[in-house]
Protein backbone atom coordinates (compact mmCIF):
# COMPACT_ATOMS: atom_id res chain seq x y z
CA UNK A 1 -19.27 3.89 -8.03
CA UNK A 2 -20.98 0.65 -9.15
CA UNK A 3 -23.94 -0.44 -7.08
CA UNK A 4 -23.43 -3.55 -4.96
CA UNK A 5 -26.15 -6.14 -5.42
CA UNK A 6 -27.76 -7.98 -2.48
CA UNK A 7 -26.13 -11.16 -3.79
CA UNK A 8 -22.70 -9.54 -3.63
CA UNK A 9 -23.32 -8.31 -0.10
CA UNK A 10 -24.27 -11.82 0.94
CA UNK A 11 -21.28 -13.46 -0.74
CA UNK A 12 -18.93 -10.84 0.75
CA UNK A 13 -20.04 -11.41 4.32
CA UNK A 14 -17.02 -11.83 6.55
CA UNK A 15 -14.65 -10.53 3.89
CA UNK A 16 -12.65 -7.31 4.08
CA UNK A 17 -12.31 -4.42 1.65
CA UNK A 18 -8.94 -2.86 0.77
CA UNK A 19 -9.67 -0.03 3.20
CA UNK A 20 -10.37 -2.46 6.04
CA UNK A 21 -7.19 -4.42 5.28
CA UNK A 22 -5.15 -1.20 5.36
CA UNK A 23 -6.75 -0.19 8.66
CA UNK A 24 -5.75 -3.51 10.25
CA UNK A 25 -2.22 -3.74 8.86
CA UNK A 26 -1.05 -0.11 8.69
CA UNK A 27 -0.20 0.14 12.42
CA UNK A 28 2.48 -2.54 11.88
CA UNK A 29 3.34 -1.59 8.29
CA UNK A 30 3.01 2.23 7.99
CA UNK A 31 4.16 2.32 4.37
CA UNK A 32 1.39 0.01 3.18
CA UNK A 33 -0.98 1.48 0.58
CA UNK A 34 -3.71 0.37 -1.79
CA UNK A 35 -1.24 0.48 -4.69
CA UNK A 36 1.18 -1.73 -2.70
CA UNK A 37 -1.60 -4.27 -2.16
CA UNK A 38 -2.33 -4.25 -5.88
CA UNK A 39 1.37 -4.73 -6.61
CA UNK A 40 1.54 -7.73 -4.25
CA UNK A 41 -1.39 -9.21 -6.16
CA UNK A 42 0.45 -8.71 -9.45
CA UNK A 43 3.47 -10.45 -7.90
CA UNK A 44 1.32 -13.46 -7.02
CA UNK A 45 1.70 -13.00 -3.25
CA UNK A 46 -2.05 -12.70 -2.67
CA UNK A 47 -5.14 -13.58 -4.72
CA UNK A 48 -8.17 -11.78 -3.26
CA UNK A 49 -11.60 -12.70 -4.54
CA UNK A 50 -13.54 -10.27 -6.70
CA UNK A 51 -17.19 -9.28 -6.54
CA UNK A 52 -19.24 -9.09 -9.72
CA UNK A 53 -18.58 -5.33 -9.68
CA UNK A 54 -14.83 -5.92 -9.57
CA UNK A 55 -14.15 -5.02 -5.93
CA UNK A 56 -11.39 -6.92 -4.14
CA UNK A 57 -12.41 -8.82 -1.04
CA UNK A 58 -9.94 -10.30 1.43
CA UNK A 59 -10.57 -13.27 3.72
CA UNK A 60 -9.03 -13.68 7.20
CA UNK A 61 -6.61 -16.15 5.55
CA UNK A 62 -5.63 -13.47 3.02
CA UNK A 63 -4.97 -11.08 5.90
CA UNK A 64 -2.70 -13.60 7.65
CA UNK A 65 -0.90 -14.26 4.37
CA UNK A 66 -0.32 -10.55 3.85
CA UNK A 67 0.98 -10.10 7.37
CA UNK A 68 3.44 -12.96 6.92
CA UNK A 69 4.62 -11.72 3.51
CA UNK A 70 5.08 -8.15 4.72
CA UNK A 71 6.94 -9.34 7.80
CA UNK A 72 9.34 -11.43 5.72
CA UNK A 73 9.94 -8.48 3.43
CA UNK A 74 10.42 -5.95 6.22
CA UNK A 75 12.42 -7.99 8.73
CA UNK A 76 14.39 -10.29 6.44
CA UNK A 77 14.51 -8.28 3.16
CA UNK A 78 13.07 -11.24 1.26
CA UNK A 79 12.52 -10.72 -2.50
CA UNK A 80 9.00 -11.34 -3.74
CA UNK A 81 10.05 -14.46 -5.65
CA UNK A 82 11.35 -16.15 -2.48
CA UNK A 83 8.26 -15.14 -0.50
CA UNK A 84 6.00 -16.42 -3.29
CA UNK A 85 7.75 -19.83 -3.36
CA UNK A 86 7.59 -20.10 0.43
CA UNK A 87 3.86 -19.37 0.45
CA UNK A 88 3.30 -21.84 -2.40
CA UNK A 89 4.91 -24.57 -0.27
CA UNK A 90 2.61 -23.68 2.60
CA UNK A 91 -0.40 -23.79 0.27
CA UNK A 92 0.65 -27.25 -0.89
CA UNK A 93 0.67 -28.53 2.69
CA UNK A 94 4.43 -28.78 2.90
CA UNK A 95 6.40 -27.60 5.93
CA UNK A 96 9.13 -25.46 4.39
CA UNK A 97 11.94 -23.97 6.37
CA UNK A 98 11.35 -20.25 6.73
CA UNK A 99 13.44 -18.55 4.06
CA UNK A 100 16.47 -16.60 5.09
CA UNK A 101 18.27 -13.87 3.25
CA UNK A 102 20.31 -15.20 0.35
CA UNK A 103 24.01 -14.54 0.93
CA UNK A 104 25.17 -11.76 -1.32
CA UNK A 105 28.10 -9.46 -1.84
CA UNK A 106 25.53 -6.68 -2.14
CA UNK A 107 25.01 -5.05 1.26
CA UNK A 108 21.56 -5.11 2.82
CA UNK A 109 19.47 -2.00 2.11
CA UNK A 110 20.16 0.73 4.61
CA UNK A 111 17.43 2.02 6.89
CA UNK A 112 17.43 5.69 7.97
CA UNK A 113 15.91 7.23 11.06
CA UNK A 114 14.22 10.60 10.59
CA UNK A 115 17.31 12.59 11.61
CA UNK A 116 19.53 10.49 9.35
CA UNK A 117 17.13 10.95 6.44
CA UNK A 118 17.15 14.73 6.85
CA UNK A 119 20.95 14.80 7.01
CA UNK A 120 21.41 12.53 4.00
CA UNK A 121 18.97 14.54 1.88
CA UNK A 122 20.06 17.95 3.14
CA UNK A 123 16.44 18.76 3.96
CA UNK A 124 14.84 21.00 6.54
CA UNK A 125 12.47 19.25 8.97
CA UNK A 126 9.52 21.33 7.74
CA UNK A 127 10.01 20.12 4.17
CA UNK A 128 9.74 16.52 5.31
CA UNK A 129 6.71 17.39 7.42
CA UNK A 130 5.08 18.99 4.37
CA UNK A 131 5.90 15.98 2.19
CA UNK A 132 4.28 13.65 4.72
CA UNK A 133 1.22 15.83 5.38
CA UNK A 134 0.49 16.15 1.65
CA UNK A 135 0.86 12.41 1.03
CA UNK A 136 3.95 12.72 -1.15
CA UNK A 137 5.91 10.65 1.39
CA UNK A 138 4.80 8.23 4.08
CA UNK A 139 5.94 8.86 7.63
CA UNK A 140 7.61 5.84 9.20
CA UNK A 141 10.25 4.86 11.73
CA UNK A 142 12.72 3.63 9.10
CA UNK A 143 13.28 5.19 5.67
CA UNK A 144 15.00 3.69 2.64
CA UNK A 145 17.51 4.89 0.05
CA UNK A 146 14.53 5.57 -2.19
CA UNK A 147 13.17 7.92 0.50
CA UNK A 148 16.50 9.76 0.49
CA UNK A 149 16.40 10.13 -3.30
CA UNK A 150 12.82 11.40 -3.20
CA UNK A 151 13.53 13.91 -0.45
CA UNK A 152 16.64 15.16 -2.26
CA UNK A 153 14.50 15.76 -5.34
CA UNK A 154 11.99 17.66 -3.22
CA UNK A 155 14.82 19.79 -1.80
CA UNK A 156 15.97 20.69 -5.33
CA UNK A 157 12.41 21.53 -6.41
CA UNK A 158 11.79 23.57 -3.28
CA UNK A 159 14.69 25.85 -4.18
CA UNK A 160 12.66 26.89 -7.23
CA UNK A 161 9.42 27.36 -5.35
CA UNK A 162 7.94 23.95 -6.19
CA UNK A 163 6.60 22.64 -2.89
CA UNK A 164 5.53 19.10 -1.96
CA UNK A 165 1.86 20.06 -2.32
CA UNK A 166 2.57 20.96 -5.94
CA UNK A 167 3.89 17.48 -6.78
CA UNK A 168 1.17 15.51 -5.00
CA UNK A 169 -0.49 15.06 -8.39
CA UNK A 170 2.58 13.10 -9.54
CA UNK A 171 1.99 10.46 -6.89
CA UNK A 172 -1.67 10.32 -7.83
CA UNK A 173 -0.62 9.93 -11.46
CA UNK A 174 1.61 6.99 -10.51
CA UNK A 175 -1.33 5.34 -8.78
CA UNK A 176 -3.40 5.82 -11.93
CA UNK A 177 -0.60 4.14 -13.87
CA UNK A 178 -0.87 1.15 -11.55
CA UNK A 179 -4.61 1.04 -12.22
CA UNK A 180 -3.94 1.05 -15.99
CA UNK A 181 -1.41 -1.77 -15.65
CA UNK A 182 -3.86 -3.71 -13.49
CA UNK A 183 -6.61 -3.28 -16.08
CA UNK A 184 -4.31 -4.44 -18.89
CA UNK A 185 -3.26 -7.51 -16.92
CA UNK A 186 -6.70 -8.36 -15.55
CA UNK A 187 -7.12 -11.47 -17.79
CA UNK A 188 -3.92 -12.89 -16.27
CA UNK A 189 -4.69 -11.72 -12.74
CA UNK A 190 -8.05 -13.49 -12.75
CA UNK A 191 -6.28 -16.80 -13.25
CA UNK A 192 -4.79 -18.72 -10.35
CA UNK A 193 -2.18 -20.81 -12.16
CA UNK A 194 1.49 -20.04 -11.52
CA UNK A 195 2.36 -19.43 -15.18
CA UNK A 196 -0.27 -16.68 -15.53
CA UNK A 197 0.88 -15.05 -12.33
CA UNK A 198 4.48 -15.26 -13.45
CA UNK A 199 3.64 -13.72 -16.80
CA UNK A 200 1.80 -10.87 -15.07
CA UNK A 201 4.84 -10.28 -12.85
CA UNK A 202 7.03 -10.02 -15.96
CA UNK A 203 4.71 -7.69 -17.84
CA UNK A 204 3.86 -5.27 -15.03
CA UNK A 205 7.28 -3.54 -14.83
CA UNK A 206 7.49 -3.42 -18.63
CA UNK A 207 4.11 -1.72 -18.93
CA UNK A 208 5.01 0.72 -16.16
CA UNK A 209 8.21 1.60 -18.03
CA UNK A 210 6.28 2.22 -21.26
CA UNK A 211 3.91 4.58 -19.45
CA UNK A 212 6.92 6.39 -18.00
CA UNK A 213 8.40 6.72 -21.51
CA UNK A 214 5.16 8.23 -22.82
CA UNK A 215 4.99 10.71 -19.95
CA UNK A 216 8.60 11.74 -20.58
CA UNK A 217 7.89 12.35 -24.27
CA UNK A 218 4.89 14.53 -23.42
CA UNK A 219 6.92 16.48 -20.84
CA UNK A 220 9.83 17.12 -23.23
CA UNK A 221 7.44 18.28 -25.97
CA UNK A 222 5.72 20.66 -23.56
CA UNK A 223 9.06 22.08 -22.37
CA UNK A 224 10.22 22.62 -25.95
CA UNK A 225 6.99 24.50 -26.61
CA UNK A 226 7.50 26.58 -23.47
CA UNK A 227 11.01 27.56 -24.50
CA UNK A 228 9.92 28.40 -28.00
């Protein structure tokens, strides 16, 4: 870990690290993670300062901004683009009307309680407990369709003796992918203009997809070798 200079410690006084931000916000937003914070930065929702060593530091204003953005996303299902525009209006000193969900023929995402999640995925309670305790899934009061899909996959793997603890490395690998994407986009992320942020938001999913393609190629080659 890079050493922190006395100058950095002085300039960071009163600012929060990622860990401190998570500690303050996680009680209200249990699914929040370091990778989610990095993703929100890529989306232009937040712009934390950086120390000379590259550490993110969050101000009290950043914390309030995060809380507002996460609340809009959780309670009103706001897309990042709408949240970003709303925050930009606030930054410009305007008094925008709080955004509301855009009318759509697409139904709002469903939320599942624990019992509903287990039923939808056909999972035993212990499997979900194991997935949460190993960090493969995050325990919360309301689960999404993505949670159902993940738990269903874990059920199928469990039938073949592959337990949640065995796939923990996959989640860690995904977080490393985010770090690679962040590194590649760092020249854009260091800028504060809207066009750079928008370009980063466009490139991030594309880079993530390319990494997924590479991983799939490696996996298929290894399986072919296994099967002779």
